[in-house]
Every structure is written in C-alpha cells, then in structure tokens.
Amino acid sequence: MAIHRRAALAGIIGAGLAGVDLSMAQAVRLRRPVSSLAANDPDLAALRRAIPLMKSAGVWQQQIALHADMRQRHHSSWRFLPWHRLQLVWFERQVARFSGKANFALPYWDWDDDRMPAIVSSDPSFAMRRDAAPGDSLRAFMQRNGQRFQGRITDDFSTFFGRARNVGTPAQGGYSGSAEWSGHNMIHGFVGGDMGRLDRAPNDPLFWMHHCNIDRIWTLWHSKNSDGLYPKPWRDEQFSGFIDTRGRLAPTVDAASTMRTTNFGYDYPFDMTPPIVFAAAPMRMVKQETINLAGDIRTPQTALVTIPAEAIGATEAVTTGFIEVKPDPDAASVIRIRVLADGQEVDTDSLFLVPSGACESRQGLRISLDGAWNGAARRMRTIELTVTPLDGRGTATATSLLSVIVDAELTWKQ
C-alpha cells in the first residue's frame, strides 16, 4: 500500500525552521524512484536544464566545496543524516530555481534495482567517468566484498545514527552509524569515480539520487520508531553554512526540525504495513550480565576479539562494536567482520570506508555484533576483523585499525 502524505505546509514549521523559505511549494512534493521515470519526465528534464546553469553560476562547485568541508562534522557523526537532508533540501531548491520548475522533486536511486539507473549513463547530462559500468551488478559487487542487502531500519538510534563528534577535532568522540557505513559507503565505493571520494562526490549527479535514497531510508526508520528515541542532545544540534536560492546564508536549523520531511515540503512513497511477527513462547530470565572486551590488534589491518567461554551460552545478546580506524586518504577499503564458532563462520558483515583526501585523519564506527551469539553454544567463539582494499577498486590500502571495543548485554533464559 503506497502512502502519499499530502499535507499543507501551514502550521507545521517548527521553531527551528524560523525564516526558512518554503514558499517555492504549497503542497508536499513526492520524491520518486528514478527507475520509474521516463527519460522526458518533468523532474528529470528540470534537472537536465539546471545542471549546466548551476555550473556556470558557480553553484555546483559551491555544493562540492560545502560537502568537502569536514568542519561541519557531517561524517563519522550523528550529524550525518540531518546535515545531508538539509543539503538535499537546498540543492533541490536550487534546481527548482535554475530550471524554472517550482515543484521540482529530486528522484532517488533505489539500490534494490541492482544496477545503476540507466539514464545516468545514457544521458550526456548525467554521464560521468565511473568505475562501475552501466551493467555491473551491485549484488555481485557486494558478494565479492562480503556483504548482502541487510535492512538497518530495526537498528536502535545509536547504531543507526552514530554518536556526536567534538568540534574542532577529526573524529574525537564520534562514530559512524549504520546509515552511513553500510549502504551509503558501499554505494560510493561501488560507483567509484568522483563518487568514490567524499571530497568530490557531489560532482556526480548520481550522488544526489543516492543520498535521496539514504534520506528515504531515514524516513522509513522514523516511521517505525517514536520521536522519543531521538535524544535531546541530538535534537539540539545546530546546522548552518548552507546557501539559499538568493545566494545568502541560509537560516540556522536545529536537528529536531529535520525529523519530518514534510517540514521541508516533500515526502516519499512507501509501504507502512508492518511485517507479521509470530511471538514465541515466553522464557524465564535466569541471569543478566554486561561484558566489555578489548580487541587484540594483531597487525595494522587485522584484529581479534575472543569471547569468554562463560559468556558464549547466553540466550540473548545486545552486542555493539566500536571501531576506530585511520582511513586511507586515497583508496576505498572494507573492514570484513567474521564471527567464528569453533573455527566455523556463523556470522559476517562488512563496513565500507570511502577515501576523503585529507579531510579526516581518523574515523570512529559503531556496528551491531549481535550475530556473535548466533547458533548453539560452542567451546570457542571469536570475532575477526580484517581491513582489505575494496574488491575491484584497487590492489592495496593504507587503512589501519586503531582500536576495537565490544560491549555486550547478555541474558540467560530457560
């Protein structure tokens, strides 16, 4: 069931949006999947008209420079989702201005399509030099790099969003959430070319369709979680530095105002029907315990976490990994995570890192490691981490592991 929310904008502008120009549209615009659009679709035609005009006016390069400015702390941080939502909002309005289509709605690239949108290669307005060929399979690329499509909208807030970064430091105190290191980084590495570097990525028109999908995924996450899950420090984060359609500094916006897309005049079609869940027979809790494990850095590219034998038999686990890395500034890489039980793999995941030039000297990442307790109890269980170059995108990587910490809340039931 497709849900199209059509709300008037009057009365929904929060205090944090005071002064923001929403006059370009009076009704909520629908951002649609690019694969569903004909080549002459009005939104694609508007984007096609706007790009050369934005480039000649310097607006296109302005967007690239804005994204490359890591003082915004919009990567490796819980600012990732709201900051990029706001960049999309102002980019969308610039396209509306230059194209003359006041109700322009940015299309999104749904990665489930398995291929890059055909039009970004066939249409000269959107074509770029990219490492991925038009017919390359995203699923095949993911399999080569130890990943598969995996829903992240059931992740808790901290795992999905990450954590705050301190002002004026590369990544001190902060880490990436799964919204960033999973599908986001993976797609940047898959496409390659300018998309393969954070300091040049917005130069590729596909960047905007990709981030539109990231924004849509946040909308899906939001639909399954209450407003109360957003902590107050996150809500109070302030965002500035964007340029409005008149070339002036846009008003400052707080993160709380970015929680709903309709505050900015757009929405996505999506199915809000929840999955059917069958409840299991209740079990009685016997014991609860919290453990903290430090990883053993064996080499700059390898680490090992050994789970104590007494903890292996837990019935349930909420396990989080905190990983700090020094990324390769010039080459994409992937951190492969394997959980082994008596030497047999029982779970696997991958974290994708995108080169960002000299923008960041280190990054923090947070991931779920609940899979470390998959299956029956074993005599020995370990978590192996290995940094490798992205398969098909290079032969070496200078990315190195700096630290690995695992926190697990364990429950025994019977």
Protein backbone atom coordinates (compact mmCIF):
# COMPACT_ATOMS: atom_id res chain seq x y z
CA MET A 1 0.00 0.00 0.00
CA ALA A 2 1.68 3.22 -1.15
CA ILE A 3 1.22 6.10 1.26
CA HIS A 4 1.35 9.61 -0.24
CA ARG A 5 1.12 12.21 2.53
CA ARG A 6 -0.34 15.41 1.07
CA ALA A 7 -0.27 18.00 3.84
CA ALA A 8 -0.35 21.76 3.54
CA LEU A 9 2.77 23.35 4.94
CA ALA A 10 0.91 25.92 7.03
CA GLY A 11 1.30 25.38 10.73
CA ILE A 12 3.94 22.65 10.59
CA ILE A 13 7.06 24.82 10.58
CA GLY A 14 8.84 24.28 13.90
CA ALA A 15 10.70 26.90 15.87
CA GLY A 16 13.99 25.68 14.47
CA LEU A 17 12.80 26.49 10.93
CA ALA A 18 12.01 30.12 11.56
CA GLY A 19 12.84 32.17 8.50
CA VAL A 20 13.41 29.22 6.18
CA ASP A 21 11.97 29.94 2.74
CA LEU A 22 9.33 27.31 1.98
CA SER A 23 7.42 29.47 -0.47
CA MET A 24 8.58 27.52 -3.51
CA ALA A 25 5.86 24.91 -2.97
CA GLN A 26 2.47 24.96 -1.31
CA ALA A 27 1.88 21.20 -1.31
CA VAL A 28 4.07 18.28 -0.38
CA ARG A 29 6.12 17.10 -3.35
CA LEU A 30 6.75 13.38 -3.86
CA ARG A 31 10.30 12.19 -4.50
CA ARG A 32 10.02 9.16 -6.76
CA PRO A 33 12.38 6.31 -7.74
CA VAL A 34 14.38 7.29 -10.80
CA SER A 35 13.86 3.82 -12.31
CA SER A 36 10.13 4.58 -12.58
CA LEU A 37 10.63 7.79 -14.57
CA ALA A 38 10.58 8.17 -18.34
CA ALA A 39 13.52 9.99 -19.92
CA ASN A 40 11.29 13.01 -20.58
CA ASP A 41 9.81 13.08 -17.08
CA PRO A 42 9.41 16.72 -15.98
CA ASP A 43 11.64 16.28 -12.91
CA LEU A 44 14.46 14.72 -14.95
CA ALA A 45 14.03 17.41 -17.59
CA ALA A 46 14.30 20.07 -14.90
CA LEU A 47 17.50 18.53 -13.51
CA ARG A 48 18.88 18.31 -17.04
CA ARG A 49 18.22 22.03 -17.62
CA ALA A 50 19.55 23.11 -14.24
CA ILE A 51 22.94 21.36 -14.13
CA PRO A 52 24.80 23.44 -16.78
CA LEU A 53 23.27 26.66 -15.46
CA MET A 54 24.28 25.82 -11.87
CA LYS A 55 27.80 25.02 -13.06
CA SER A 56 28.18 28.30 -14.96
CA ALA A 57 26.87 30.23 -11.94
CA GLY A 58 29.31 28.51 -9.56
CA VAL A 59 26.51 26.93 -7.52
CA TRP A 60 27.51 23.38 -8.49
CA GLN A 61 31.10 23.85 -7.29
CA GLN A 62 29.74 25.51 -4.16
CA GLN A 63 27.88 22.29 -3.29
CA ILE A 64 31.05 20.22 -3.80
CA ALA A 65 33.08 22.52 -1.56
CA LEU A 66 30.38 22.51 1.12
CA HIS A 67 30.36 18.72 1.27
CA ALA A 68 34.18 18.59 1.42
CA ASP A 69 34.29 20.89 4.45
CA MET A 70 34.62 18.41 7.33
CA ARG A 71 34.35 21.20 9.89
CA GLN A 72 30.62 20.58 9.50
CA ARG A 73 31.16 17.20 11.26
CA HIS A 74 28.66 15.64 8.85
CA HIS A 75 30.53 12.34 8.53
CA SER A 76 31.55 9.87 11.25
CA SER A 77 28.91 11.53 13.40
CA TRP A 78 25.22 11.52 14.24
CA ARG A 79 25.01 14.73 12.20
CA PHE A 80 25.31 12.64 9.03
CA LEU A 81 21.58 12.20 8.34
CA PRO A 82 20.21 15.67 9.23
CA TRP A 83 23.12 17.53 7.58
CA HIS A 84 22.71 15.67 4.30
CA ARG A 85 18.93 16.09 4.44
CA LEU A 86 19.45 19.83 4.59
CA GLN A 87 21.98 19.79 1.76
CA LEU A 88 19.45 17.93 -0.38
CA VAL A 89 16.74 20.43 0.54
CA TRP A 90 18.80 23.42 -0.60
CA PHE A 91 20.11 21.60 -3.68
CA GLU A 92 16.53 20.72 -4.65
CA ARG A 93 15.54 24.36 -4.35
CA GLN A 94 18.50 25.47 -6.44
CA VAL A 95 17.42 23.06 -9.18
CA ALA A 96 13.88 24.47 -8.95
CA ARG A 97 15.25 27.98 -9.31
CA PHE A 98 17.57 27.34 -12.25
CA SER A 99 15.18 25.02 -14.11
CA GLY A 100 12.06 27.10 -13.59
CA LYS A 101 10.15 24.08 -12.23
CA ALA A 102 8.96 25.37 -8.85
CA ASN A 103 7.70 21.97 -7.67
CA PHE A 104 10.83 20.02 -8.62
CA ALA A 105 11.25 16.82 -6.58
CA LEU A 106 14.61 15.05 -6.58
CA PRO A 107 14.41 11.40 -7.74
CA TYR A 108 16.03 8.67 -5.64
CA TRP A 109 18.04 5.63 -6.66
CA ASP A 110 16.58 2.52 -5.04
CA TRP A 111 19.54 0.13 -4.73
CA ASP A 112 17.19 -2.85 -4.93
CA ASP A 113 17.28 -2.23 -8.70
CA ASP A 114 20.74 -3.94 -8.62
CA ARG A 115 22.15 -1.68 -11.36
CA MET A 116 22.91 2.00 -11.64
CA PRO A 117 19.97 3.90 -13.18
CA ALA A 118 20.34 3.52 -16.93
CA ILE A 119 19.74 7.21 -17.56
CA VAL A 120 22.87 8.33 -15.66
CA SER A 121 24.97 6.61 -18.34
CA SER A 122 22.83 7.08 -21.45
CA ASP A 123 22.01 10.76 -20.91
CA PRO A 124 25.00 13.11 -21.53
CA SER A 125 23.71 15.49 -18.85
CA PHE A 126 24.21 12.83 -16.17
CA ALA A 127 27.08 10.77 -17.61
CA MET A 128 30.40 10.65 -15.72
CA ARG A 129 33.58 8.62 -15.57
CA ARG A 130 32.78 5.91 -13.06
CA ASP A 131 34.46 2.66 -12.04
CA ALA A 132 31.17 0.75 -12.23
CA ALA A 133 29.97 0.02 -15.74
CA PRO A 134 26.26 0.52 -16.53
CA GLY A 135 25.58 -3.22 -16.47
CA ASP A 136 27.55 -4.07 -13.32
CA SER A 137 25.58 -5.90 -10.66
CA LEU A 138 25.50 -4.30 -7.23
CA ARG A 139 24.66 -7.65 -5.65
CA ALA A 140 27.67 -9.30 -7.27
CA PHE A 141 29.88 -6.44 -6.07
CA MET A 142 28.52 -6.84 -2.55
CA GLN A 143 29.10 -10.58 -2.56
CA ARG A 144 32.72 -10.09 -3.62
CA ASN A 145 33.14 -7.75 -0.65
CA GLY A 146 31.41 -9.92 1.91
CA GLN A 147 28.12 -8.04 2.11
CA ARG A 148 24.48 -8.60 1.25
CA PHE A 149 21.36 -6.44 1.35
CA GLN A 150 20.55 -6.11 5.01
CA GLY A 151 17.80 -3.95 6.49
CA ARG A 152 19.05 -1.41 9.02
CA ILE A 153 15.77 0.26 9.96
CA THR A 154 15.42 -2.01 13.01
CA ASP A 155 18.72 -0.69 14.44
CA ASP A 156 18.44 1.40 17.59
CA PHE A 157 19.16 5.12 17.44
CA SER A 158 22.85 4.97 18.39
CA THR A 159 23.60 2.14 15.95
CA PHE A 160 21.68 3.79 13.09
CA PHE A 161 22.76 7.43 13.64
CA GLY A 162 26.15 7.11 15.34
CA ARG A 163 27.39 9.50 18.01
CA ALA A 164 28.32 13.18 18.23
CA ARG A 165 31.76 14.43 17.22
CA ASN A 166 33.54 17.11 19.19
CA VAL A 167 34.02 20.46 17.49
CA GLY A 168 37.45 21.10 16.00
CA THR A 169 38.74 17.52 16.08
CA PRO A 170 38.95 14.96 13.26
CA ALA A 171 36.63 12.34 14.77
CA GLN A 172 37.23 12.60 18.50
CA GLY A 173 34.40 11.05 20.47
CA GLY A 174 32.23 10.38 17.44
CA TYR A 175 31.47 7.36 15.30
CA SER A 176 29.51 6.47 12.21
CA GLY A 177 26.16 4.75 12.44
CA SER A 178 24.90 2.02 10.12
CA ALA A 179 23.04 4.59 8.00
CA GLU A 180 26.47 5.84 6.93
CA TRP A 181 28.93 2.93 6.93
CA SER A 182 26.55 0.37 5.43
CA GLY A 183 24.64 1.21 2.25
CA HIS A 184 25.93 4.77 1.98
CA ASN A 185 29.64 3.99 1.93
CA MET A 186 29.11 0.78 -0.04
CA ILE A 187 27.38 2.61 -2.91
CA HIS A 188 30.07 5.30 -3.05
CA GLY A 189 32.68 2.53 -3.37
CA PHE A 190 30.62 0.62 -5.94
CA VAL A 191 30.14 3.58 -8.27
CA GLY A 192 33.68 4.93 -7.94
CA GLY A 193 34.98 7.86 -9.97
CA ASP A 194 34.11 11.14 -8.25
CA MET A 195 31.50 9.25 -6.23
CA GLY A 196 34.35 7.24 -4.77
CA ARG A 197 35.74 10.25 -2.87
CA LEU A 198 33.86 12.30 -0.29
CA ASP A 199 35.67 15.48 -1.31
CA ARG A 200 34.43 15.23 -4.94
CA ALA A 201 31.29 13.08 -4.74
CA PRO A 202 28.63 15.81 -5.32
CA ASN A 203 30.11 16.45 -8.77
CA ASP A 204 28.40 13.25 -9.92
CA PRO A 205 24.64 13.76 -10.48
CA LEU A 206 24.17 10.22 -9.17
CA PHE A 207 25.35 11.47 -5.75
CA TRP A 208 22.09 13.36 -5.28
CA MET A 209 19.92 10.38 -6.22
CA HIS A 210 21.99 8.15 -3.93
CA HIS A 211 21.67 10.48 -0.96
CA CYS A 212 17.99 10.90 -1.71
CA ASN A 213 17.68 7.14 -1.07
CA ILE A 214 19.65 7.49 2.19
CA ASP A 215 17.17 10.19 3.18
CA ARG A 216 14.28 7.87 2.26
CA ILE A 217 15.75 5.10 4.44
CA TRP A 218 15.81 7.52 7.37
CA THR A 219 12.13 8.24 6.65
CA LEU A 220 11.41 4.50 6.85
CA TRP A 221 13.39 4.24 10.10
CA HIS A 222 11.45 7.19 11.52
CA SER A 223 8.12 5.58 10.59
CA LYS A 224 8.98 2.56 12.76
CA ASN A 225 10.32 4.50 15.75
CA SER A 226 8.84 7.09 18.08
CA ASP A 227 10.00 10.69 18.37
CA GLY A 228 11.10 9.90 21.91
CA LEU A 229 14.00 7.78 20.60
CA TYR A 230 15.80 10.93 19.41
CA PRO A 231 17.92 12.10 22.38
CA LYS A 232 17.78 15.77 23.36
CA PRO A 233 21.48 16.46 22.62
CA TRP A 234 20.88 15.28 19.05
CA ARG A 235 17.71 17.35 18.74
CA ASP A 236 19.65 20.42 19.86
CA GLU A 237 22.40 20.10 17.24
CA GLN A 238 22.57 23.25 15.08
CA PHE A 239 23.13 23.29 11.31
CA SER A 240 24.30 26.32 9.38
CA GLY A 241 26.52 27.23 6.46
CA PHE A 242 24.06 26.37 3.68
CA ILE A 243 23.38 28.88 0.90
CA ASP A 244 19.81 29.76 -0.01
CA THR A 245 18.46 30.35 -3.51
CA ARG A 246 19.33 34.05 -3.35
CA GLY A 247 22.98 33.37 -2.59
CA ARG A 248 22.66 34.35 1.06
CA LEU A 249 23.48 32.36 4.17
CA ALA A 250 20.51 30.15 4.97
CA PRO A 251 18.96 30.31 8.45
CA THR A 252 20.29 28.00 11.15
CA VAL A 253 18.18 24.87 11.64
CA ASP A 254 18.14 22.52 14.62
CA ALA A 255 18.14 18.74 14.20
CA ALA A 256 14.70 18.40 15.82
CA SER A 257 13.24 20.29 12.85
CA THR A 258 14.69 17.79 10.37
CA MET A 259 12.87 14.74 11.76
CA ARG A 260 9.96 15.08 9.30
CA THR A 261 10.38 15.56 5.58
CA THR A 262 7.07 17.40 5.33
CA ASN A 263 8.66 20.30 7.23
CA PHE A 264 10.59 20.87 4.01
CA GLY A 265 7.75 20.21 1.60
CA TYR A 266 8.49 16.71 0.35
CA ASP A 267 7.86 13.04 1.12
CA TYR A 268 8.41 9.53 -0.27
CA PRO A 269 6.03 6.78 -1.37
CA PHE A 270 6.46 3.80 0.89
CA ASP A 271 4.59 0.92 2.47
CA MET A 272 3.99 1.42 6.16
CA THR A 273 2.44 -2.04 6.68
CA PRO A 274 4.49 -3.70 9.45
CA PRO A 275 5.86 -7.21 8.94
CA ILE A 276 3.95 -10.11 10.50
CA VAL A 277 5.70 -11.28 13.66
CA PHE A 278 4.86 -14.53 15.40
CA ALA A 279 5.52 -14.42 19.14
CA ALA A 280 7.47 -17.29 20.69
CA ALA A 281 6.53 -18.88 24.00
CA PRO A 282 7.88 -16.74 26.86
CA MET A 283 11.00 -17.86 28.71
CA ARG A 284 12.04 -17.08 32.26
CA MET A 285 15.12 -14.92 32.71
CA VAL A 286 17.82 -16.64 34.77
CA LYS A 287 20.71 -14.16 34.65
CA GLN A 288 21.86 -10.91 33.08
CA GLU A 289 25.42 -9.71 32.65
CA THR A 290 27.32 -6.96 30.84
CA ILE A 291 30.80 -7.62 29.46
CA ASN A 292 33.37 -5.32 27.87
CA LEU A 293 36.02 -6.76 25.56
CA ALA A 294 39.05 -5.04 24.05
CA GLY A 295 40.23 -6.27 20.68
CA ASP A 296 43.76 -7.51 20.13
CA ILE A 297 45.29 -5.54 17.21
CA ARG A 298 47.48 -8.17 15.56
CA THR A 299 48.65 -6.06 12.59
CA PRO A 300 47.56 -2.64 11.30
CA GLN A 301 44.96 -4.45 9.20
CA THR A 302 43.85 -7.30 11.49
CA ALA A 303 42.31 -7.61 14.94
CA LEU A 304 40.80 -10.40 17.02
CA VAL A 305 38.23 -10.35 19.81
CA THR A 306 37.91 -13.54 21.89
CA ILE A 307 34.59 -14.09 23.65
CA PRO A 308 35.00 -15.70 27.09
CA ALA A 309 33.75 -19.28 27.32
CA GLU A 310 31.39 -18.44 30.18
CA ALA A 311 29.61 -15.85 28.03
CA ILE A 312 29.06 -17.98 24.94
CA GLY A 313 25.94 -19.73 26.24
CA ALA A 314 23.85 -16.54 26.64
CA THR A 315 20.31 -16.91 25.28
CA GLU A 316 20.08 -13.31 24.10
CA ALA A 317 22.62 -10.61 23.42
CA VAL A 318 22.67 -6.94 22.52
CA THR A 319 26.24 -6.51 21.34
CA THR A 320 27.88 -3.38 19.96
CA GLY A 321 31.28 -2.93 18.41
CA PHE A 322 33.20 0.35 18.48
CA ILE A 323 35.96 0.54 15.89
CA GLU A 324 38.43 3.36 15.34
CA VAL A 325 40.42 3.46 12.11
CA LYS A 326 42.93 5.62 10.31
CA PRO A 327 41.46 5.63 6.78
CA ASP A 328 43.45 5.57 3.58
CA PRO A 329 43.02 9.11 2.19
CA ASP A 330 43.24 7.95 -1.41
CA ALA A 331 41.76 4.45 -1.66
CA ALA A 332 38.48 2.80 -0.69
CA SER A 333 38.62 -0.07 1.76
CA VAL A 334 36.37 -2.52 3.56
CA ILE A 335 36.54 -3.94 7.08
CA ARG A 336 35.41 -7.55 6.92
CA ILE A 337 33.99 -8.95 10.14
CA ARG A 338 33.71 -12.69 10.68
CA VAL A 339 32.31 -14.40 13.74
CA LEU A 340 33.75 -17.89 14.19
CA ALA A 341 32.45 -20.64 16.47
CA ASP A 342 34.97 -23.45 16.86
CA GLY A 343 36.56 -22.23 13.64
CA GLN A 344 33.30 -22.24 11.64
CA GLU A 345 31.85 -18.97 10.37
CA VAL A 346 28.45 -18.22 11.93
CA ASP A 347 28.04 -14.55 11.02
CA THR A 348 29.63 -11.97 8.76
CA ASP A 349 29.34 -8.26 8.00
CA SER A 350 31.31 -5.55 6.22
CA LEU A 351 31.99 -1.87 6.88
CA PHE A 352 32.81 0.30 3.89
CA LEU A 353 35.21 3.24 4.08
CA VAL A 354 35.29 5.98 1.47
CA PRO A 355 38.52 7.96 0.87
CA SER A 356 38.17 11.63 1.71
CA GLY A 357 41.57 13.06 0.83
CA ALA A 358 42.99 15.00 3.75
CA CYS A 359 39.52 15.69 5.19
CA GLU A 360 39.66 13.14 8.02
CA SER A 361 42.65 11.63 9.80
CA ARG A 362 40.63 9.02 11.70
CA GLN A 363 37.11 7.71 11.90
CA GLY A 364 35.01 6.01 14.50
CA LEU A 365 32.34 3.46 13.60
CA ARG A 366 29.67 1.65 15.59
CA ILE A 367 28.11 -1.63 14.50
CA SER A 368 25.79 -4.30 15.83
CA LEU A 369 27.53 -7.59 16.67
CA ASP A 370 24.51 -9.50 17.91
CA GLY A 371 25.47 -12.22 15.44
CA ALA A 372 28.41 -13.12 17.66
CA TRP A 373 25.91 -15.18 19.67
CA ASN A 374 24.14 -16.84 16.72
CA GLY A 375 23.57 -20.59 16.97
CA ALA A 376 24.13 -23.10 19.76
CA ALA A 377 26.72 -22.65 22.49
CA ARG A 378 30.28 -23.53 21.43
CA ARG A 379 33.61 -24.06 23.15
CA MET A 380 35.30 -21.09 21.43
CA ARG A 381 33.93 -18.00 19.73
CA THR A 382 35.95 -15.19 18.16
CA ILE A 383 35.37 -12.05 16.12
CA GLU A 384 37.90 -11.46 13.36
CA LEU A 385 38.37 -8.07 11.70
CA THR A 386 40.38 -7.66 8.52
CA VAL A 387 40.99 -4.49 6.51
CA THR A 388 41.28 -5.08 2.76
CA PRO A 389 41.09 -2.94 -0.37
CA LEU A 390 37.67 -2.81 -1.96
CA ASP A 391 37.50 -5.70 -4.41
CA GLY A 392 37.71 -4.29 -7.93
CA ARG A 393 38.77 -0.82 -6.78
CA GLY A 394 42.48 -1.19 -6.00
CA THR A 395 45.31 -3.51 -5.03
CA ALA A 396 46.40 -2.04 -1.67
CA THR A 397 45.13 0.04 1.21
CA ALA A 398 46.80 2.12 3.89
CA THR A 399 43.72 1.97 6.15
CA SER A 400 44.67 0.71 9.61
CA LEU A 401 42.78 -0.38 12.70
CA LEU A 402 43.45 1.79 15.75
CA SER A 403 41.19 0.17 18.34
CA VAL A 404 38.32 -2.30 18.72
CA ILE A 405 36.00 -2.49 21.73
CA VAL A 406 32.98 -4.79 22.13
CA ASP A 407 30.19 -4.17 24.66
CA ALA A 408 27.63 -6.95 25.21
CA GLU A 409 24.50 -7.04 27.36
CA LEU A 410 23.83 -10.75 27.85
CA THR A 411 20.73 -12.54 29.06
CA TRP A 412 20.32 -16.19 30.01
CA LYS A 413 16.79 -17.66 29.86
CA GLN A 414 15.22 -21.06 30.27
